[in-house]
Amino acid sequence: MIAANPLDFLGISYYYSKMVDSAQNSYLPNDNSRNPYLEESPWGWTIDPQVLYNTLSQYWDRYQKPIIIAENGLRMYDKLENDQVHD
């Protein structure tokens, strides 16, 4: 059934990256560490454009389909100017 209905495009969401360190982490799914070499937003989300690039490249190599970034962002505190947030 799936083979008869191939994908037209791939939609992904990307927000931040984490790393797994064999000396610090176990094999539990959510046991990960922050990357000490990356800058973080005030919310603790790492700022890592290289991982977004690598992810897009790997998905393109695997599926050869157009990619839509459905969601991404940098979680920050909003600053009000004239009672408005200017994105």
PDB file of N, CA and C in Angstrom:
ATOM      1  N   MET A   1       0.817  -1.195   0.000  1.00  0.00           N
ATOM      2  CA  MET A   1       0.000   0.000   0.000  1.00  0.00           C
ATOM      3  C   MET A   1       0.865   1.265   0.000  1.00  0.00           C
ATOM      4  N   ILE A   2       1.898   1.319   0.846  1.00  0.00           N
ATOM      5  CA  ILE A   2       2.755   2.503   0.890  1.00  0.00           C
ATOM      6  C   ILE A   2       3.541   2.657  -0.405  1.00  0.00           C
ATOM      7  N   ALA A   3       4.018   1.549  -0.969  1.00  0.00           N
ATOM      8  CA  ALA A   3       4.795   1.617  -2.205  1.00  0.00           C
ATOM      9  C   ALA A   3       3.963   2.174  -3.355  1.00  0.00           C
ATOM     10  N   ALA A   4       2.670   1.965  -3.323  1.00  0.00           N
ATOM     11  CA  ALA A   4       1.798   2.469  -4.378  1.00  0.00           C
ATOM     12  C   ALA A   4       1.490   3.958  -4.213  1.00  0.00           C
ATOM     13  N   ASN A   5       1.834   4.525  -3.054  1.00  0.00           N
ATOM     14  CA  ASN A   5       1.561   5.932  -2.774  1.00  0.00           C
ATOM     15  C   ASN A   5       2.820   6.618  -2.242  1.00  0.00           C
ATOM     16  N   PRO A   6       3.804   6.838  -3.095  1.00  0.00           N
ATOM     17  CA  PRO A   6       5.062   7.429  -2.610  1.00  0.00           C
ATOM     18  C   PRO A   6       4.886   8.885  -2.176  1.00  0.00           C
ATOM     19  N   LEU A   7       5.832   9.348  -1.396  1.00  0.00           N
ATOM     20  CA  LEU A   7       5.814  10.724  -0.907  1.00  0.00           C
ATOM     21  C   LEU A   7       6.051  11.717  -2.030  1.00  0.00           C
ATOM     22  N   ASP A   8       5.376  12.863  -1.945  1.00  0.00           N
ATOM     23  CA  ASP A   8       5.643  13.972  -2.854  1.00  0.00           C
ATOM     24  C   ASP A   8       6.717  14.883  -2.285  1.00  0.00           C
ATOM     25  N   PHE A   9       6.761  14.993  -0.970  1.00  0.00           N
ATOM     26  CA  PHE A   9       7.742  15.827  -0.285  1.00  0.00           C
ATOM     27  C   PHE A   9       7.900  15.295   1.131  1.00  0.00           C
ATOM     28  N   LEU A  10       8.924  15.774   1.810  1.00  0.00           N
ATOM     29  CA  LEU A  10       9.182  15.396   3.197  1.00  0.00           C
ATOM     30  C   LEU A  10       9.123  16.652   4.050  1.00  0.00           C
ATOM     31  N   GLY A  11       8.321  16.648   5.099  1.00  0.00           N
ATOM     32  CA  GLY A  11       8.231  17.771   6.028  1.00  0.00           C
ATOM     33  C   GLY A  11       8.916  17.412   7.330  1.00  0.00           C
ATOM     34  N   ILE A  12       9.810  18.277   7.800  1.00  0.00           N
ATOM     35  CA  ILE A  12      10.501  18.023   9.065  1.00  0.00           C
ATOM     36  C   ILE A  12      10.398  19.254   9.959  1.00  0.00           C
ATOM     37  N   SER A  13      10.578  19.022  11.245  1.00  0.00           N
ATOM     38  CA  SER A  13      10.655  20.096  12.234  1.00  0.00           C
ATOM     39  C   SER A  13      12.001  19.991  12.924  1.00  0.00           C
ATOM     40  N   TYR A  14      12.650  21.116  13.149  1.00  0.00           N
ATOM     41  CA  TYR A  14      13.954  21.126  13.810  1.00  0.00           C
ATOM     42  C   TYR A  14      14.007  22.302  14.772  1.00  0.00           C
ATOM     43  N   TYR A  15      14.447  22.029  15.993  1.00  0.00           N
ATOM     44  CA  TYR A  15      14.554  23.092  16.988  1.00  0.00           C
ATOM     45  C   TYR A  15      15.939  23.199  17.598  1.00  0.00           C
ATOM     46  N   TYR A  16      16.519  22.089  18.025  1.00  0.00           N
ATOM     47  CA  TYR A  16      17.821  22.115  18.680  1.00  0.00           C
ATOM     48  C   TYR A  16      18.433  20.723  18.613  1.00  0.00           C
ATOM     49  N   SER A  17      19.687  20.619  18.994  1.00  0.00           N
ATOM     50  CA  SER A  17      20.351  19.316  18.996  1.00  0.00           C
ATOM     51  C   SER A  17      20.851  18.998  20.401  1.00  0.00           C
ATOM     52  N   LYS A  18      20.984  17.745  20.643  1.00  0.00           N
ATOM     53  CA  LYS A  18      21.595  17.228  21.869  1.00  0.00           C
ATOM     54  C   LYS A  18      22.645  16.211  21.449  1.00  0.00           C
ATOM     55  N   MET A  19      23.474  15.777  22.367  1.00  0.00           N
ATOM     56  CA  MET A  19      24.468  14.757  22.040  1.00  0.00           C
ATOM     57  C   MET A  19      24.404  13.627  23.056  1.00  0.00           C
ATOM     58  N   VAL A  20      24.939  12.500  22.659  1.00  0.00           N
ATOM     59  CA  VAL A  20      25.037  11.350  23.545  1.00  0.00           C
ATOM     60  C   VAL A  20      26.517  11.096  23.778  1.00  0.00           C
ATOM     61  N   ASP A  21      26.900  11.024  25.033  1.00  0.00           N
ATOM     62  CA  ASP A  21      28.283  10.807  25.439  1.00  0.00           C
ATOM     63  C   ASP A  21      28.353   9.452  26.150  1.00  0.00           C
ATOM     64  N   SER A  22      29.131   8.523  25.620  1.00  0.00           N
ATOM     65  CA  SER A  22      29.181   7.176  26.200  1.00  0.00           C
ATOM     66  C   SER A  22      29.689   7.176  27.638  1.00  0.00           C
ATOM     67  N   ALA A  23      30.435   8.205  28.024  1.00  0.00           N
ATOM     68  CA  ALA A  23      30.948   8.269  29.394  1.00  0.00           C
ATOM     69  C   ALA A  23      29.914   8.847  30.369  1.00  0.00           C
ATOM     70  N   GLN A  24      28.928   9.575  29.852  1.00  0.00           N
ATOM     71  CA  GLN A  24      27.963  10.256  30.720  1.00  0.00           C
ATOM     72  C   GLN A  24      26.538   9.728  30.595  1.00  0.00           C
ATOM     73  N   ASN A  25      26.187   9.143  29.459  1.00  0.00           N
ATOM     74  CA  ASN A  25      24.794   8.795  29.198  1.00  0.00           C
ATOM     75  C   ASN A  25      24.586   7.282  29.139  1.00  0.00           C
ATOM     76  N   SER A  26      23.354   6.895  29.440  1.00  0.00           N
ATOM     77  CA  SER A  26      22.977   5.485  29.370  1.00  0.00           C
ATOM     78  C   SER A  26      22.304   5.229  28.018  1.00  0.00           C
ATOM     79  N   TYR A  27      21.685   4.076  27.890  1.00  0.00           N
ATOM     80  CA  TYR A  27      20.972   3.741  26.656  1.00  0.00           C
ATOM     81  C   TYR A  27      19.494   4.116  26.706  1.00  0.00           C
ATOM     82  N   LEU A  28      19.082   4.857  27.719  1.00  0.00           N
ATOM     83  CA  LEU A  28      17.694   5.299  27.796  1.00  0.00           C
ATOM     84  C   LEU A  28      17.421   6.338  26.713  1.00  0.00           C
ATOM     85  N   PRO A  29      16.233   6.328  26.126  1.00  0.00           N
ATOM     86  CA  PRO A  29      15.948   7.198  24.973  1.00  0.00           C
ATOM     87  C   PRO A  29      16.184   8.691  25.204  1.00  0.00           C
ATOM     88  N   ASN A  30      15.852   9.210  26.370  1.00  0.00           N
ATOM     89  CA  ASN A  30      15.981  10.653  26.598  1.00  0.00           C
ATOM     90  C   ASN A  30      17.189  11.030  27.439  1.00  0.00           C
ATOM     91  N   ASP A  31      18.127  10.118  27.600  1.00  0.00           N
ATOM     92  CA  ASP A  31      19.338  10.420  28.367  1.00  0.00           C
ATOM     93  C   ASP A  31      20.375  11.004  27.408  1.00  0.00           C
ATOM     94  N   ASN A  32      20.535  12.318  27.440  1.00  0.00           N
ATOM     95  CA  ASN A  32      21.480  12.985  26.545  1.00  0.00           C
ATOM     96  C   ASN A  32      22.148  14.132  27.296  1.00  0.00           C
ATOM     97  N   SER A  33      23.089  14.760  26.641  1.00  0.00           N
ATOM     98  CA  SER A  33      23.871  15.835  27.255  1.00  0.00           C
ATOM     99  C   SER A  33      23.851  17.058  26.352  1.00  0.00           C
ATOM    100  N   ARG A  34      24.114  18.207  26.931  1.00  0.00           N
ATOM    101  CA  ARG A  34      24.277  19.414  26.119  1.00  0.00           C
ATOM    102  C   ARG A  34      25.665  19.387  25.493  1.00  0.00           C
ATOM    103  N   ASN A  35      25.795  20.007  24.363  1.00  0.00           N
ATOM    104  CA  ASN A  35      27.088  20.105  23.693  1.00  0.00           C
ATOM    105  C   ASN A  35      27.802  21.334  24.248  1.00  0.00           C
ATOM    106  N   PRO A  36      28.920  21.159  24.938  1.00  0.00           N
ATOM    107  CA  PRO A  36      29.588  22.304  25.563  1.00  0.00           C
ATOM    108  C   PRO A  36      30.209  23.276  24.556  1.00  0.00           C
ATOM    109  N   TYR A  37      30.255  22.906  23.292  1.00  0.00           N
ATOM    110  CA  TYR A  37      30.867  23.759  22.282  1.00  0.00           C
ATOM    111  C   TYR A  37      29.861  24.646  21.558  1.00  0.00           C
ATOM    112  N   LEU A  38      28.577  24.509  21.905  1.00  0.00           N
ATOM    113  CA  LEU A  38      27.544  25.282  21.220  1.00  0.00           C
ATOM    114  C   LEU A  38      26.962  26.346  22.126  1.00  0.00           C
ATOM    115  N   GLU A  39      26.614  27.468  21.528  1.00  0.00           N
ATOM    116  CA  GLU A  39      25.909  28.540  22.235  1.00  0.00           C
ATOM    117  C   GLU A  39      24.470  28.088  22.469  1.00  0.00           C
ATOM    118  N   GLU A  40      23.885  28.526  23.579  1.00  0.00           N
ATOM    119  CA  GLU A  40      22.500  28.179  23.883  1.00  0.00           C
ATOM    120  C   GLU A  40      21.656  29.439  23.992  1.00  0.00           C
ATOM    121  N   SER A  41      20.375  29.287  23.659  1.00  0.00           N
ATOM    122  CA  SER A  41      19.425  30.372  23.877  1.00  0.00           C
ATOM    123  C   SER A  41      19.133  30.450  25.373  1.00  0.00           C
ATOM    124  N   PRO A  42      18.452  31.512  25.819  1.00  0.00           N
ATOM    125  CA  PRO A  42      18.097  31.593  27.245  1.00  0.00           C
ATOM    126  C   PRO A  42      17.252  30.413  27.728  1.00  0.00           C
ATOM    127  N   TRP A  43      16.604  29.692  26.819  1.00  0.00           N
ATOM    128  CA  TRP A  43      15.786  28.530  27.173  1.00  0.00           C
ATOM    129  C   TRP A  43      16.605  27.247  27.219  1.00  0.00           C
ATOM    130  N   GLY A  44      17.903  27.313  26.875  1.00  0.00           N
ATOM    131  CA  GLY A  44      18.742  26.123  26.877  1.00  0.00           C
ATOM    132  C   GLY A  44      18.738  25.351  25.569  1.00  0.00           C
ATOM    133  N   TRP A  45      18.176  25.938  24.523  1.00  0.00           N
ATOM    134  CA  TRP A  45      18.173  25.278  23.216  1.00  0.00           C
ATOM    135  C   TRP A  45      19.475  25.637  22.501  1.00  0.00           C
ATOM    136  N   THR A  46      20.176  24.647  22.000  1.00  0.00           N
ATOM    137  CA  THR A  46      21.442  24.895  21.332  1.00  0.00           C
ATOM    138  C   THR A  46      21.224  25.531  19.959  1.00  0.00           C
ATOM    139  N   ILE A  47      22.115  26.398  19.596  1.00  0.00           N
ATOM    140  CA  ILE A  47      22.089  27.078  18.308  1.00  0.00           C
ATOM    141  C   ILE A  47      23.112  26.363  17.430  1.00  0.00           C
ATOM    142  N   ASP A  48      22.617  25.566  16.473  1.00  0.00           N
ATOM    143  CA  ASP A  48      23.494  24.658  15.734  1.00  0.00           C
ATOM    144  C   ASP A  48      23.082  24.552  14.266  1.00  0.00           C
ATOM    145  N   PRO A  49      23.377  25.573  13.445  1.00  0.00           N
ATOM    146  CA  PRO A  49      22.971  25.522  12.037  1.00  0.00           C
ATOM    147  C   PRO A  49      23.612  24.364  11.270  1.00  0.00           C
ATOM    148  N   GLN A  50      24.776  23.888  11.713  1.00  0.00           N
ATOM    149  CA  GLN A  50      25.424  22.782  11.016  1.00  0.00           C
ATOM    150  C   GLN A  50      24.592  21.498  11.107  1.00  0.00           C
ATOM    151  N   VAL A  51      23.944  21.273  12.254  1.00  0.00           N
ATOM    152  CA  VAL A  51      23.105  20.079  12.387  1.00  0.00           C
ATOM    153  C   VAL A  51      21.887  20.173  11.474  1.00  0.00           C
ATOM    154  N   LEU A  52      21.293  21.342  11.345  1.00  0.00           N
ATOM    155  CA  LEU A  52      20.175  21.498  10.414  1.00  0.00           C
ATOM    156  C   LEU A  52      20.636  21.187   8.994  1.00  0.00           C
ATOM    157  N   TYR A  53      21.775  21.715   8.603  1.00  0.00           N
ATOM    158  CA  TYR A  53      22.324  21.436   7.271  1.00  0.00           C
ATOM    159  C   TYR A  53      22.575  19.939   7.088  1.00  0.00           C
ATOM    160  N   ASN A  54      23.207  19.305   8.080  1.00  0.00           N
ATOM    161  CA  ASN A  54      23.498  17.873   7.976  1.00  0.00           C
ATOM    162  C   ASN A  54      22.215  17.044   7.892  1.00  0.00           C
ATOM    163  N   THR A  55      21.222  17.417   8.689  1.00  0.00           N
ATOM    164  CA  THR A  55      19.944  16.700   8.674  1.00  0.00           C
ATOM    165  C   THR A  55      19.279  16.807   7.308  1.00  0.00           C
ATOM    166  N   LEU A  56      19.217  18.019   6.761  1.00  0.00           N
ATOM    167  CA  LEU A  56      18.622  18.200   5.440  1.00  0.00           C
ATOM    168  C   LEU A  56      19.388  17.413   4.381  1.00  0.00           C
ATOM    169  N   SER A  57      20.705  17.419   4.455  1.00  0.00           N
ATOM    170  CA  SER A  57      21.531  16.680   3.495  1.00  0.00           C
ATOM    171  C   SER A  57      21.288  15.177   3.589  1.00  0.00           C
ATOM    172  N   GLN A  58      21.214  14.649   4.802  1.00  0.00           N
ATOM    173  CA  GLN A  58      20.999  13.209   4.975  1.00  0.00           C
ATOM    174  C   GLN A  58      19.614  12.791   4.470  1.00  0.00           C
ATOM    175  N   TYR A  59      18.588  13.590   4.777  1.00  0.00           N
ATOM    176  CA  TYR A  59      17.255  13.249   4.277  1.00  0.00           C
ATOM    177  C   TYR A  59      17.193  13.344   2.755  1.00  0.00           C
ATOM    178  N   TRP A  60      17.856  14.337   2.177  1.00  0.00           N
ATOM    179  CA  TRP A  60      17.878  14.437   0.712  1.00  0.00           C
ATOM    180  C   TRP A  60      18.589  13.230   0.107  1.00  0.00           C
ATOM    181  N   ASP A  61      19.737  12.864   0.658  1.00  0.00           N
ATOM    182  CA  ASP A  61      20.458  11.705   0.139  1.00  0.00           C
ATOM    183  C   ASP A  61      19.620  10.431   0.218  1.00  0.00           C
ATOM    184  N   ARG A  62      18.853  10.297   1.286  1.00  0.00           N
ATOM    185  CA  ARG A  62      18.058   9.083   1.484  1.00  0.00           C
ATOM    186  C   ARG A  62      16.806   9.047   0.610  1.00  0.00           C
ATOM    187  N   TYR A  63      16.048  10.143   0.532  1.00  0.00           N
ATOM    188  CA  TYR A  63      14.737  10.119  -0.109  1.00  0.00           C
ATOM    189  C   TYR A  63      14.666  10.821  -1.464  1.00  0.00           C
ATOM    190  N   GLN A  64      15.585  11.731  -1.759  1.00  0.00           N
ATOM    191  CA  GLN A  64      15.584  12.463  -3.031  1.00  0.00           C
ATOM    192  C   GLN A  64      14.217  13.107  -3.313  1.00  0.00           C
ATOM    193  N   LYS A  65      13.628  13.697  -2.280  1.00  0.00           N
ATOM    194  CA  LYS A  65      12.334  14.376  -2.399  1.00  0.00           C
ATOM    195  C   LYS A  65      12.492  15.807  -1.897  1.00  0.00           C
ATOM    196  N   PRO A  66      11.665  16.727  -2.396  1.00  0.00           N
ATOM    197  CA  PRO A  66      11.701  18.087  -1.857  1.00  0.00           C
ATOM    198  C   PRO A  66      11.445  18.073  -0.352  1.00  0.00           C
ATOM    199  N   ILE A  67      12.125  18.971   0.357  1.00  0.00           N
ATOM    200  CA  ILE A  67      12.023  19.037   1.811  1.00  0.00           C
ATOM    201  C   ILE A  67      11.402  20.369   2.214  1.00  0.00           C
ATOM    202  N   ILE A  68      10.403  20.292   3.070  1.00  0.00           N
ATOM    203  CA  ILE A  68       9.775  21.482   3.635  1.00  0.00           C
ATOM    204  C   ILE A  68      10.092  21.501   5.117  1.00  0.00           C
ATOM    205  N   ILE A  69      10.660  22.601   5.587  1.00  0.00           N
ATOM    206  CA  ILE A  69      10.874  22.753   7.024  1.00  0.00           C
ATOM    207  C   ILE A  69       9.550  23.250   7.592  1.00  0.00           C
ATOM    208  N   ALA A  70       8.829  22.333   8.237  1.00  0.00           N
ATOM    209  CA  ALA A  70       7.502  22.652   8.751  1.00  0.00           C
ATOM    210  C   ALA A  70       7.574  23.607   9.933  1.00  0.00           C
ATOM    211  N   GLU A  71       8.503  23.347  10.830  1.00  0.00           N
ATOM    212  CA  GLU A  71       8.698  24.212  11.995  1.00  0.00           C
ATOM    213  C   GLU A  71      10.180  24.255  12.319  1.00  0.00           C
ATOM    214  N   ASN A  72      10.631  25.389  12.714  1.00  0.00           N
ATOM    215  CA  ASN A  72      11.942  25.536  13.326  1.00  0.00           C
ATOM    216  C   ASN A  72      11.923  26.861  14.056  1.00  0.00           C
ATOM    217  N   GLY A  73      12.892  27.069  14.848  1.00  0.00           N
ATOM    218  CA  GLY A  73      12.893  28.342  15.538  1.00  0.00           C
ATOM    219  C   GLY A  73      13.923  28.392  16.624  1.00  0.00           C
ATOM    220  N   LEU A  74      14.028  29.533  17.183  1.00  0.00           N
ATOM    221  CA  LEU A  74      14.928  29.777  18.286  1.00  0.00           C
ATOM    222  C   LEU A  74      14.078  30.324  19.414  1.00  0.00           C
ATOM    223  N   ARG A  75      13.856  29.518  20.397  1.00  0.00           N
ATOM    224  CA  ARG A  75      12.992  29.932  21.498  1.00  0.00           C
ATOM    225  C   ARG A  75      13.677  31.021  22.300  1.00  0.00           C
ATOM    226  N   MET A  76      13.064  32.185  22.326  1.00  0.00           N
ATOM    227  CA  MET A  76      13.619  33.336  23.027  1.00  0.00           C
ATOM    228  C   MET A  76      12.501  34.045  23.779  1.00  0.00           C
ATOM    229  N   TYR A  77      12.886  34.948  24.645  1.00  0.00           N
ATOM    230  CA  TYR A  77      11.907  35.805  25.305  1.00  0.00           C
ATOM    231  C   TYR A  77      11.525  36.911  24.333  1.00  0.00           C
ATOM    232  N   ASP A  78      10.238  37.155  24.197  1.00  0.00           N
ATOM    233  CA  ASP A  78       9.779  38.206  23.303  1.00  0.00           C
ATOM    234  C   ASP A  78       9.947  39.575  23.949  1.00  0.00           C
ATOM    235  N   LYS A  79      10.327  40.539  23.133  1.00  0.00           N
ATOM    236  CA  LYS A  79      10.479  41.911  23.592  1.00  0.00           C
ATOM    237  C   LYS A  79       9.346  42.737  22.994  1.00  0.00           C
ATOM    238  N   LEU A  80       8.571  43.353  23.852  1.00  0.00           N
ATOM    239  CA  LEU A  80       7.469  44.186  23.383  1.00  0.00           C
ATOM    240  C   LEU A  80       7.963  45.578  23.026  1.00  0.00           C
ATOM    241  N   GLU A  81       7.580  46.027  21.844  1.00  0.00           N
ATOM    242  CA  GLU A  81       7.843  47.394  21.407  1.00  0.00           C
ATOM    243  C   GLU A  81       6.516  47.966  20.939  1.00  0.00           C
ATOM    244  N   ASN A  82       6.038  48.996  21.595  1.00  0.00           N
ATOM    245  CA  ASN A  82       4.732  49.577  21.279  1.00  0.00           C
ATOM    246  C   ASN A  82       3.639  48.518  21.373  1.00  0.00           C
ATOM    247  N   ASP A  83       3.723  47.709  22.427  1.00  0.00           N
ATOM    248  CA  ASP A  83       2.747  46.632  22.687  1.00  0.00           C
ATOM    249  C   ASP A  83       2.693  45.591  21.563  1.00  0.00           C
ATOM    250  N   GLN A  84       3.787  45.435  20.817  1.00  0.00           N
ATOM    251  CA  GLN A  84       3.837  44.440  19.742  1.00  0.00           C
ATOM    252  C   GLN A  84       5.156  43.682  19.805  1.00  0.00           C
ATOM    253  N   VAL A  85       5.125  42.446  19.311  1.00  0.00           N
ATOM    254  CA  VAL A  85       6.338  41.641  19.151  1.00  0.00           C
ATOM    255  C   VAL A  85       6.704  41.685  17.679  1.00  0.00           C
ATOM    256  N   HIS A  86       7.912  42.130  17.363  1.00  0.00           N
ATOM    257  CA  HIS A  86       8.374  42.227  15.979  1.00  0.00           C
ATOM    258  C   HIS A  86       9.312  41.043  15.710  1.00  0.00           C
ATOM    259  N   ASP A  87       8.795  40.063  14.968  1.00  0.00           N
ATOM    260  CA  ASP A  87       9.599  38.883  14.638  1.00  0.00           C
ATOM    261  C   ASP A  87      10.560  39.175  13.519  1.00  0.00           C
TER     262      ASP A  87
END
